[in-house]
Structure formats: C-alpha cells, structure tokens
Amino acid sequence: MKVEKTEIICQGKFLKLKREYTDRGIWESVDMDGHTETAVVIAITKDNEVLLEKHYRVPLRKYVIELPAGLVDDESPEECARRELLEETGYEANELIYLFKGVVCQGLTRMESYYFYAPNVIYKSAQNLEPTEEIEILKIPLKDLDDFLFNLSDDLILSSNVLSVVYSLRRYLGKY
C-alpha cells in the first residue's frame, strides 16, 4: 500500500488528526506532538512486589491499572524508562533489562513502545507528578499478581500492555 497524500484535519496543543490517502482508500490517524516512542517498565522490588499504577485517565473517566511509562523526549528509551519510573513511582532502577519493542493502537497511531524489566528497584523519593497526573502506586506481590489482575473491581480497567509484559517477564524469568 502506498500513501499518496497526507492532510492535517485538526491540530490541537498536543494532538494532530491526519487523513492519509492511499492507493486503496483513506485512513485517519493521530500524531502526538511529534512523539513516536514510549518506554514502559515492569519494576520489581527487593521484596518481590510488582509496581503497578492506579492512574486516572480523563478520556475513560476511570482509573486504569498500568505500568510506569511515558513518552520518550530528547533521550533514549532506556533513559526515559528510568526517568518515568522515578517520577511516577519514586523508585529507582539500578538495572534495566530490555525485553521487547511493540506497538500500541496501531490502527490509530504510529507509537512504538520499548518494554523494560527493572529488578530490585529501590525507593528513592516521593513521586514527582505532572499537574494532570493522578497516580496511586500499588505494590502487588508477584505470587498474587494473576489474582489481582483478573479480579479487578468494576471501577478499574486493566491496560492491555500489562498482560503482555507479565507474559514476557514470565518467559524471561521462568515460572515465578
């Protein structure tokens, strides 16, 4: 398939809605302020707890169970993973292991995500959140993770990338 023409339909402060004309038809997509990459971290404490976030997401009007993550700015995905982990959770990763790269909402955006594993993270400081962020840190024992993820209350939604990263972590670590 060949993209023959792109037009900007609407541009806000952070998002740009595009219409792309291909040799097979029209496709609409979203760009996010020039960002094309994110970094996502599955962090495990020395007590074998997974750090999850209960993050309020305005478009859903609900809390979402997520992993620490953020947009890659003028940095490498690994630097972003370290920065976001510290800002959002207050925990620092001495070791960061690259797991894989994947896509999110591939029919809507060109965003690619880099996934990292951070064993034995250490609490360093209070969260340093942006004004629009409302994040509660949840420390879930690794042995209880499946029960927690598959028995969420109705007022919570699970981010689908959590399950893919948990599967990858199991593969990386072996059965836990």
N, C-alpha and C. Protein backbone atom coordinates (compact mmCIF):
# COMPACT_ATOMS: atom_id res chain seq x y z
N MET A 1 0.84 -1.17 0.00
CA MET A 1 0.00 0.00 0.00
C MET A 1 0.89 1.24 0.00
N LYS A 2 0.51 2.23 -0.76
CA LYS A 2 1.31 3.44 -0.88
C LYS A 2 0.50 4.65 -0.42
N VAL A 3 1.07 5.47 0.48
CA VAL A 3 0.44 6.71 0.91
C VAL A 3 0.78 7.76 -0.14
N GLU A 4 -0.26 8.32 -0.75
CA GLU A 4 -0.06 9.28 -1.83
C GLU A 4 -0.12 10.73 -1.36
N LYS A 5 -0.90 10.96 -0.29
CA LYS A 5 -1.09 12.33 0.19
C LYS A 5 -1.49 12.29 1.65
N THR A 6 -1.03 13.27 2.43
CA THR A 6 -1.41 13.40 3.83
C THR A 6 -1.91 14.83 4.05
N GLU A 7 -3.03 14.94 4.78
CA GLU A 7 -3.51 16.27 5.14
C GLU A 7 -3.81 16.30 6.63
N ILE A 8 -3.61 17.46 7.23
CA ILE A 8 -3.93 17.67 8.64
C ILE A 8 -5.38 18.13 8.72
N ILE A 9 -6.22 17.35 9.41
CA ILE A 9 -7.63 17.68 9.54
C ILE A 9 -7.84 18.66 10.69
N CYS A 10 -7.12 18.40 11.80
CA CYS A 10 -7.29 19.21 13.00
C CYS A 10 -6.00 19.14 13.81
N GLN A 11 -5.62 20.25 14.41
CA GLN A 11 -4.43 20.25 15.26
C GLN A 11 -4.74 20.97 16.56
N GLY A 12 -4.51 20.26 17.67
CA GLY A 12 -4.66 20.84 18.99
C GLY A 12 -3.30 21.16 19.56
N LYS A 13 -3.26 21.35 20.88
CA LYS A 13 -1.99 21.66 21.54
C LYS A 13 -1.03 20.47 21.50
N PHE A 14 -1.58 19.24 21.66
CA PHE A 14 -0.73 18.06 21.73
C PHE A 14 -0.99 17.04 20.62
N LEU A 15 -2.19 17.07 20.03
CA LEU A 15 -2.56 16.04 19.06
C LEU A 15 -2.82 16.64 17.68
N LYS A 16 -2.53 15.82 16.68
CA LYS A 16 -2.77 16.19 15.30
C LYS A 16 -3.54 15.05 14.65
N LEU A 17 -4.71 15.34 14.09
CA LEU A 17 -5.51 14.35 13.38
C LEU A 17 -5.19 14.45 11.89
N LYS A 18 -4.78 13.32 11.32
CA LYS A 18 -4.36 13.29 9.92
C LYS A 18 -5.30 12.42 9.09
N ARG A 19 -5.43 12.78 7.84
CA ARG A 19 -6.13 11.94 6.86
C ARG A 19 -5.09 11.60 5.79
N GLU A 20 -4.92 10.29 5.58
CA GLU A 20 -3.93 9.85 4.60
C GLU A 20 -4.63 9.12 3.46
N TYR A 21 -4.30 9.53 2.28
CA TYR A 21 -4.89 8.96 1.07
C TYR A 21 -3.92 7.92 0.52
N THR A 22 -4.40 6.70 0.39
CA THR A 22 -3.57 5.62 -0.14
C THR A 22 -4.14 5.17 -1.49
N ASP A 23 -3.41 4.30 -2.15
CA ASP A 23 -3.89 3.76 -3.42
C ASP A 23 -5.09 2.82 -3.20
N ARG A 24 -5.45 2.56 -1.95
CA ARG A 24 -6.59 1.68 -1.64
C ARG A 24 -7.72 2.38 -0.89
N GLY A 25 -7.54 3.63 -0.56
CA GLY A 25 -8.58 4.35 0.17
C GLY A 25 -8.00 5.34 1.16
N ILE A 26 -8.85 5.76 2.10
CA ILE A 26 -8.48 6.81 3.05
C ILE A 26 -8.33 6.21 4.45
N TRP A 27 -7.31 6.69 5.18
CA TRP A 27 -7.06 6.26 6.55
C TRP A 27 -6.87 7.50 7.40
N GLU A 28 -7.48 7.52 8.59
CA GLU A 28 -7.28 8.62 9.51
C GLU A 28 -6.48 8.13 10.72
N SER A 29 -5.56 8.98 11.17
CA SER A 29 -4.71 8.61 12.30
C SER A 29 -4.38 9.85 13.13
N VAL A 30 -3.71 9.60 14.24
CA VAL A 30 -3.37 10.65 15.19
C VAL A 30 -1.86 10.67 15.42
N ASP A 31 -1.28 11.85 15.44
CA ASP A 31 0.11 12.04 15.86
C ASP A 31 0.08 12.77 17.19
N MET A 32 1.03 12.45 18.04
CA MET A 32 1.07 13.05 19.36
C MET A 32 2.27 13.97 19.48
N ASP A 33 2.10 15.22 19.09
CA ASP A 33 3.11 16.25 19.30
C ASP A 33 4.51 15.80 18.89
N GLY A 34 4.62 15.06 17.80
CA GLY A 34 5.91 14.61 17.31
C GLY A 34 6.48 13.40 18.02
N HIS A 35 5.83 12.92 19.06
CA HIS A 35 6.32 11.75 19.78
C HIS A 35 5.92 10.48 19.03
N THR A 36 6.88 9.58 18.90
CA THR A 36 6.60 8.30 18.24
C THR A 36 7.02 7.11 19.08
N GLU A 37 7.57 7.37 20.27
CA GLU A 37 8.05 6.27 21.12
C GLU A 37 7.64 6.49 22.58
N THR A 38 7.40 5.36 23.26
CA THR A 38 7.19 5.37 24.70
C THR A 38 8.12 4.33 25.32
N ALA A 39 8.31 4.44 26.61
CA ALA A 39 9.05 3.45 27.37
C ALA A 39 8.15 2.97 28.51
N VAL A 40 8.14 1.66 28.72
CA VAL A 40 7.28 1.03 29.73
C VAL A 40 8.18 0.17 30.62
N VAL A 41 7.92 0.19 31.94
CA VAL A 41 8.78 -0.53 32.89
C VAL A 41 7.96 -1.49 33.74
N ILE A 42 8.41 -2.74 33.83
CA ILE A 42 7.88 -3.63 34.84
C ILE A 42 8.95 -3.70 35.93
N ALA A 43 8.61 -3.08 37.05
CA ALA A 43 9.56 -2.93 38.14
C ALA A 43 9.18 -3.87 39.28
N ILE A 44 10.20 -4.55 39.81
CA ILE A 44 10.02 -5.49 40.91
C ILE A 44 10.88 -5.02 42.08
N THR A 45 10.27 -4.93 43.26
CA THR A 45 11.02 -4.53 44.45
C THR A 45 11.86 -5.69 44.97
N LYS A 46 12.73 -5.39 45.93
CA LYS A 46 13.55 -6.46 46.54
C LYS A 46 12.68 -7.46 47.29
N ASP A 47 11.44 -7.05 47.65
CA ASP A 47 10.50 -7.94 48.34
C ASP A 47 9.61 -8.70 47.37
N ASN A 48 9.99 -8.71 46.09
CA ASN A 48 9.26 -9.45 45.04
C ASN A 48 7.85 -8.92 44.82
N GLU A 49 7.72 -7.59 44.84
CA GLU A 49 6.44 -6.95 44.56
C GLU A 49 6.54 -6.23 43.21
N VAL A 50 5.47 -6.31 42.43
CA VAL A 50 5.40 -5.59 41.16
C VAL A 50 4.81 -4.22 41.44
N LEU A 51 5.44 -3.18 40.86
CA LEU A 51 4.90 -1.84 40.99
C LEU A 51 3.91 -1.59 39.87
N LEU A 52 2.66 -1.37 40.24
CA LEU A 52 1.62 -1.00 39.28
C LEU A 52 1.11 0.38 39.64
N GLU A 53 0.48 1.02 38.68
CA GLU A 53 -0.09 2.33 38.91
C GLU A 53 -1.60 2.28 38.74
N LYS A 54 -2.28 2.92 39.66
CA LYS A 54 -3.72 3.17 39.53
C LYS A 54 -3.79 4.62 39.05
N HIS A 55 -3.95 4.78 37.75
CA HIS A 55 -3.77 6.06 37.07
C HIS A 55 -5.11 6.55 36.53
N TYR A 56 -5.54 7.73 36.96
CA TYR A 56 -6.80 8.27 36.45
C TYR A 56 -6.60 8.75 35.03
N ARG A 57 -7.47 8.26 34.12
CA ARG A 57 -7.40 8.63 32.71
C ARG A 57 -8.67 9.36 32.31
N VAL A 58 -8.51 10.63 32.02
CA VAL A 58 -9.65 11.50 31.73
C VAL A 58 -10.53 10.97 30.59
N PRO A 59 -9.98 10.52 29.45
CA PRO A 59 -10.87 10.05 28.37
C PRO A 59 -11.81 8.92 28.80
N LEU A 60 -11.36 8.09 29.73
CA LEU A 60 -12.18 6.96 30.21
C LEU A 60 -13.03 7.33 31.41
N ARG A 61 -12.65 8.41 32.10
CA ARG A 61 -13.32 8.81 33.34
C ARG A 61 -13.23 7.70 34.38
N LYS A 62 -12.12 6.98 34.36
CA LYS A 62 -11.89 5.87 35.28
C LYS A 62 -10.40 5.76 35.59
N TYR A 63 -10.13 4.95 36.60
CA TYR A 63 -8.75 4.60 36.90
C TYR A 63 -8.36 3.37 36.08
N VAL A 64 -7.13 3.39 35.60
CA VAL A 64 -6.59 2.30 34.80
C VAL A 64 -5.40 1.71 35.54
N ILE A 65 -5.32 0.39 35.59
CA ILE A 65 -4.15 -0.28 36.18
C ILE A 65 -3.10 -0.37 35.08
N GLU A 66 -1.97 0.28 35.32
CA GLU A 66 -0.93 0.41 34.31
C GLU A 66 0.44 0.13 34.90
N LEU A 67 1.41 0.08 34.02
CA LEU A 67 2.81 0.03 34.40
C LEU A 67 3.39 1.44 34.26
N PRO A 68 4.44 1.76 35.01
CA PRO A 68 5.08 3.06 34.82
C PRO A 68 5.52 3.21 33.36
N ALA A 69 5.22 4.36 32.78
CA ALA A 69 5.53 4.55 31.36
C ALA A 69 5.48 6.03 31.02
N GLY A 70 6.02 6.37 29.87
CA GLY A 70 5.95 7.75 29.42
C GLY A 70 6.50 7.93 28.03
N LEU A 71 6.31 9.12 27.52
CA LEU A 71 6.78 9.47 26.19
C LEU A 71 8.28 9.71 26.19
N VAL A 72 8.95 9.17 25.18
CA VAL A 72 10.38 9.41 25.00
C VAL A 72 10.55 10.83 24.46
N ASP A 73 11.27 11.65 25.20
CA ASP A 73 11.53 13.02 24.75
C ASP A 73 12.88 13.04 24.03
N ASP A 74 13.73 13.97 24.35
CA ASP A 74 15.07 14.03 23.73
C ASP A 74 16.02 13.16 24.53
N GLU A 75 15.78 11.84 24.48
CA GLU A 75 16.52 10.87 25.28
C GLU A 75 16.35 9.50 24.64
N SER A 76 17.08 8.54 25.14
CA SER A 76 16.90 7.17 24.66
C SER A 76 15.70 6.54 25.38
N PRO A 77 15.13 5.48 24.83
CA PRO A 77 14.05 4.79 25.53
C PRO A 77 14.47 4.34 26.94
N GLU A 78 15.71 3.89 27.10
CA GLU A 78 16.17 3.47 28.42
C GLU A 78 16.22 4.64 29.40
N GLU A 79 16.71 5.78 28.95
CA GLU A 79 16.74 6.97 29.81
C GLU A 79 15.32 7.39 30.19
N CYS A 80 14.41 7.29 29.24
CA CYS A 80 13.01 7.62 29.51
C CYS A 80 12.43 6.67 30.55
N ALA A 81 12.71 5.37 30.41
CA ALA A 81 12.20 4.38 31.35
C ALA A 81 12.68 4.70 32.77
N ARG A 82 13.95 5.01 32.91
CA ARG A 82 14.50 5.36 34.23
C ARG A 82 13.83 6.62 34.79
N ARG A 83 13.70 7.63 33.96
CA ARG A 83 13.11 8.91 34.38
C ARG A 83 11.66 8.73 34.79
N GLU A 84 10.88 8.06 33.96
CA GLU A 84 9.46 7.88 34.26
C GLU A 84 9.24 7.03 35.51
N LEU A 85 10.04 6.00 35.68
CA LEU A 85 9.92 5.16 36.88
C LEU A 85 10.13 6.00 38.13
N LEU A 86 11.16 6.81 38.13
CA LEU A 86 11.45 7.65 39.30
C LEU A 86 10.38 8.72 39.50
N GLU A 87 9.98 9.41 38.42
CA GLU A 87 8.98 10.48 38.55
C GLU A 87 7.62 9.94 39.02
N GLU A 88 7.18 8.83 38.41
CA GLU A 88 5.83 8.35 38.69
C GLU A 88 5.72 7.51 39.95
N THR A 89 6.80 6.82 40.34
CA THR A 89 6.72 5.91 41.48
C THR A 89 7.64 6.29 42.64
N GLY A 90 8.69 7.04 42.37
CA GLY A 90 9.69 7.34 43.39
C GLY A 90 10.74 6.25 43.52
N TYR A 91 10.65 5.22 42.68
CA TYR A 91 11.61 4.11 42.72
C TYR A 91 12.66 4.28 41.63
N GLU A 92 13.87 3.80 41.94
CA GLU A 92 14.98 3.89 41.01
C GLU A 92 15.44 2.50 40.60
N ALA A 93 15.78 2.38 39.33
CA ALA A 93 16.27 1.10 38.80
C ALA A 93 17.79 1.14 38.68
N ASN A 94 18.45 0.23 39.41
CA ASN A 94 19.90 0.10 39.23
C ASN A 94 20.19 -0.67 37.95
N GLU A 95 19.32 -1.63 37.63
CA GLU A 95 19.47 -2.45 36.44
C GLU A 95 18.20 -2.34 35.62
N LEU A 96 18.36 -2.19 34.32
CA LEU A 96 17.22 -2.09 33.41
C LEU A 96 17.49 -3.01 32.23
N ILE A 97 16.63 -3.99 32.04
CA ILE A 97 16.84 -5.00 31.01
C ILE A 97 15.78 -4.83 29.93
N TYR A 98 16.24 -4.65 28.71
CA TYR A 98 15.33 -4.51 27.58
C TYR A 98 14.66 -5.85 27.31
N LEU A 99 13.31 -5.83 27.18
CA LEU A 99 12.56 -7.05 26.89
C LEU A 99 12.16 -7.13 25.42
N PHE A 100 11.44 -6.13 24.93
CA PHE A 100 10.99 -6.14 23.53
C PHE A 100 10.43 -4.78 23.15
N LYS A 101 10.15 -4.62 21.87
CA LYS A 101 9.51 -3.42 21.36
C LYS A 101 8.19 -3.84 20.73
N GLY A 102 7.14 -3.06 20.96
CA GLY A 102 5.83 -3.38 20.40
C GLY A 102 5.09 -2.11 20.02
N VAL A 103 3.90 -2.28 19.50
CA VAL A 103 3.08 -1.13 19.11
C VAL A 103 1.81 -1.09 19.94
N VAL A 104 1.26 0.08 20.05
CA VAL A 104 0.03 0.30 20.79
C VAL A 104 -0.93 1.07 19.87
N CYS A 105 -2.15 0.61 19.77
CA CYS A 105 -3.16 1.27 18.93
C CYS A 105 -2.66 1.49 17.51
N GLN A 106 -2.15 0.44 16.92
CA GLN A 106 -1.50 0.54 15.61
C GLN A 106 -2.43 1.00 14.49
N GLY A 107 -3.72 0.91 14.68
CA GLY A 107 -4.65 1.42 13.68
C GLY A 107 -4.93 2.91 13.83
N LEU A 108 -4.46 3.50 14.92
CA LEU A 108 -4.74 4.89 15.22
C LEU A 108 -3.49 5.78 15.24
N THR A 109 -2.36 5.21 15.65
CA THR A 109 -1.14 6.00 15.84
C THR A 109 0.08 5.19 15.43
N ARG A 110 1.17 5.87 15.23
CA ARG A 110 2.43 5.19 14.88
C ARG A 110 3.34 5.00 16.10
N MET A 111 2.77 5.10 17.29
CA MET A 111 3.52 5.00 18.54
C MET A 111 4.10 3.60 18.73
N GLU A 112 5.40 3.53 19.03
CA GLU A 112 6.08 2.27 19.35
C GLU A 112 6.51 2.33 20.81
N SER A 113 6.41 1.20 21.50
CA SER A 113 6.76 1.15 22.92
C SER A 113 7.92 0.21 23.17
N TYR A 114 8.86 0.66 23.98
CA TYR A 114 10.01 -0.16 24.41
C TYR A 114 9.70 -0.63 25.82
N TYR A 115 9.80 -1.93 26.04
CA TYR A 115 9.46 -2.53 27.33
C TYR A 115 10.73 -2.97 28.05
N PHE A 116 10.81 -2.62 29.34
CA PHE A 116 11.99 -2.92 30.15
C PHE A 116 11.59 -3.63 31.44
N TYR A 117 12.51 -4.43 31.94
CA TYR A 117 12.37 -5.11 33.23
C TYR A 117 13.38 -4.48 34.18
N ALA A 118 12.91 -4.08 35.34
CA ALA A 118 13.77 -3.46 36.36
C ALA A 118 13.68 -4.29 37.64
N PRO A 119 14.66 -5.19 37.87
CA PRO A 119 14.65 -5.98 39.11
C PRO A 119 15.20 -5.18 40.29
N ASN A 120 14.73 -5.49 41.48
CA ASN A 120 15.27 -4.92 42.72
C ASN A 120 15.30 -3.40 42.74
N VAL A 121 14.19 -2.78 42.34
CA VAL A 121 14.14 -1.32 42.39
C VAL A 121 14.17 -0.85 43.83
N ILE A 122 14.66 0.36 44.02
CA ILE A 122 14.85 0.91 45.36
C ILE A 122 14.08 2.23 45.47
N TYR A 123 13.34 2.39 46.57
CA TYR A 123 12.61 3.63 46.79
C TYR A 123 13.61 4.75 47.09
N LYS A 124 13.48 5.86 46.34
CA LYS A 124 14.40 6.98 46.50
C LYS A 124 13.72 8.27 46.95
N SER A 125 12.51 8.52 46.46
CA SER A 125 11.89 9.81 46.76
C SER A 125 10.38 9.75 46.51
N ALA A 126 9.72 10.82 46.90
CA ALA A 126 8.28 10.94 46.62
C ALA A 126 8.07 11.08 45.11
N GLN A 127 6.86 10.81 44.69
CA GLN A 127 6.52 10.98 43.28
C GLN A 127 6.72 12.44 42.87
N ASN A 128 7.04 12.63 41.60
CA ASN A 128 7.18 13.97 41.04
C ASN A 128 6.27 14.03 39.81
N LEU A 129 4.97 14.15 40.07
CA LEU A 129 3.97 14.04 39.01
C LEU A 129 3.73 15.38 38.32
N GLU A 130 3.26 15.26 37.06
CA GLU A 130 2.82 16.44 36.32
C GLU A 130 1.46 16.86 36.90
N PRO A 131 1.08 18.13 36.74
CA PRO A 131 -0.20 18.59 37.31
C PRO A 131 -1.41 17.78 36.84
N THR A 132 -1.36 17.23 35.65
CA THR A 132 -2.50 16.47 35.12
C THR A 132 -2.47 14.99 35.47
N GLU A 133 -1.46 14.57 36.25
CA GLU A 133 -1.36 13.16 36.61
C GLU A 133 -1.91 12.91 38.01
N GLU A 134 -2.69 11.86 38.14
CA GLU A 134 -3.18 11.38 39.44
C GLU A 134 -2.86 9.89 39.46
N ILE A 135 -1.81 9.53 40.20
CA ILE A 135 -1.31 8.14 40.19
C ILE A 135 -1.12 7.65 41.61
N GLU A 136 -1.73 6.52 41.91
CA GLU A 136 -1.50 5.81 43.17
C GLU A 136 -0.64 4.60 42.86
N ILE A 137 0.41 4.39 43.63
CA ILE A 137 1.29 3.24 43.43
C ILE A 137 0.75 2.04 44.19
N LEU A 138 0.67 0.92 43.47
CA LEU A 138 0.24 -0.35 44.06
C LEU A 138 1.42 -1.31 44.04
N LYS A 139 1.71 -1.91 45.18
CA LYS A 139 2.78 -2.92 45.26
C LYS A 139 2.09 -4.27 45.43
N ILE A 140 2.12 -5.09 44.37
CA ILE A 140 1.43 -6.37 44.37
C ILE A 140 2.47 -7.49 44.43
N PRO A 141 2.38 -8.37 45.44
CA PRO A 141 3.31 -9.49 45.49
C PRO A 141 3.24 -10.29 44.17
N LEU A 142 4.38 -10.61 43.64
CA LEU A 142 4.46 -11.32 42.36
C LEU A 142 3.60 -12.57 42.36
N LYS A 143 3.57 -13.28 43.48
CA LYS A 143 2.80 -14.52 43.57
C LYS A 143 1.29 -14.27 43.51
N ASP A 144 0.85 -13.05 43.79
CA ASP A 144 -0.58 -12.70 43.79
C ASP A 144 -1.00 -11.91 42.55
N LEU A 145 -0.06 -11.71 41.63
CA LEU A 145 -0.32 -10.81 40.50
C LEU A 145 -1.49 -11.27 39.63
N ASP A 146 -1.54 -12.54 39.27
CA ASP A 146 -2.64 -13.02 38.42
C ASP A 146 -3.99 -12.80 39.09
N ASP A 147 -4.10 -13.16 40.36
CA ASP A 147 -5.36 -12.96 41.08
C ASP A 147 -5.76 -11.48 41.09
N PHE A 148 -4.79 -10.60 41.31
CA PHE A 148 -5.09 -9.18 41.33
C PHE A 148 -5.58 -8.71 39.96
N LEU A 149 -4.85 -9.05 38.89
CA LEU A 149 -5.18 -8.55 37.56
C LEU A 149 -6.51 -9.07 37.03
N PHE A 150 -6.85 -10.31 37.39
CA PHE A 150 -8.07 -10.90 36.84
C PHE A 150 -9.28 -10.77 37.77
N ASN A 151 -9.12 -10.02 38.85
CA ASN A 151 -10.23 -9.81 39.78
C ASN A 151 -10.35 -8.34 40.16
N LEU A 152 -10.18 -7.45 39.20
CA LEU A 152 -10.29 -6.03 39.47
C LEU A 152 -11.74 -5.65 39.73
N SER A 153 -11.92 -4.65 40.55
CA SER A 153 -13.28 -4.15 40.80
C SER A 153 -13.79 -3.46 39.53
N ASP A 154 -15.09 -3.29 39.44
CA ASP A 154 -15.73 -2.74 38.25
C ASP A 154 -15.33 -1.30 37.95
N ASP A 155 -14.80 -0.60 38.94
CA ASP A 155 -14.43 0.80 38.72
C ASP A 155 -13.00 0.95 38.18
N LEU A 156 -12.34 -0.18 37.91
CA LEU A 156 -10.98 -0.16 37.36
C LEU A 156 -10.95 -0.85 36.00
N ILE A 157 -10.03 -0.40 35.16
CA ILE A 157 -9.81 -1.02 33.85
C ILE A 157 -8.34 -1.41 33.78
N LEU A 158 -8.07 -2.55 33.19
CA LEU A 158 -6.71 -3.04 33.04
C LEU A 158 -6.14 -2.61 31.70
N SER A 159 -4.99 -1.96 31.72
CA SER A 159 -4.29 -1.64 30.48
C SER A 159 -3.79 -2.95 29.88
N SER A 160 -4.09 -3.16 28.61
CA SER A 160 -3.75 -4.44 27.99
C SER A 160 -2.25 -4.71 27.94
N ASN A 161 -1.44 -3.66 27.94
CA ASN A 161 0.00 -3.92 27.88
C ASN A 161 0.53 -4.57 29.15
N VAL A 162 -0.20 -4.45 30.26
CA VAL A 162 0.23 -5.10 31.49
C VAL A 162 0.33 -6.62 31.29
N LEU A 163 -0.67 -7.19 30.64
CA LEU A 163 -0.67 -8.64 30.44
C LEU A 163 0.46 -9.09 29.52
N SER A 164 0.74 -8.33 28.47
CA SER A 164 1.82 -8.72 27.57
C SER A 164 3.17 -8.65 28.26
N VAL A 165 3.34 -7.67 29.11
CA VAL A 165 4.62 -7.54 29.82
C VAL A 165 4.76 -8.62 30.89
N VAL A 166 3.65 -8.94 31.57
CA VAL A 166 3.69 -10.01 32.57
C VAL A 166 4.07 -11.33 31.90
N TYR A 167 3.48 -11.60 30.74
CA TYR A 167 3.83 -12.82 30.00
C TYR A 167 5.31 -12.81 29.63
N SER A 168 5.79 -11.67 29.15
CA SER A 168 7.21 -11.57 28.78
C SER A 168 8.12 -11.76 29.98
N LEU A 169 7.71 -11.21 31.11
CA LEU A 169 8.51 -11.36 32.32
C LEU A 169 8.57 -12.83 32.74
N ARG A 170 7.45 -13.51 32.65
CA ARG A 170 7.44 -14.95 32.97
C ARG A 170 8.40 -15.70 32.06
N ARG A 171 8.37 -15.37 30.80
CA ARG A 171 9.26 -16.04 29.85
C ARG A 171 10.72 -15.73 30.18
N TYR A 172 10.99 -14.47 30.55
CA TYR A 172 12.36 -14.05 30.87
C TYR A 172 12.85 -14.71 32.16
N LEU A 173 12.00 -14.69 33.18
CA LEU A 173 12.41 -15.21 34.49
C LEU A 173 12.19 -16.71 34.64
N GLY A 174 11.37 -17.26 33.78
CA GLY A 174 10.90 -18.62 34.03
C GLY A 174 9.69 -18.50 34.95
N LYS A 175 9.14 -19.60 35.36
CA LYS A 175 7.94 -19.54 36.20
C LYS A 175 8.27 -18.84 37.52
N TYR A 176 7.39 -17.95 37.95
CA TYR A 176 7.59 -17.28 39.24
C TYR A 176 6.48 -17.59 40.12
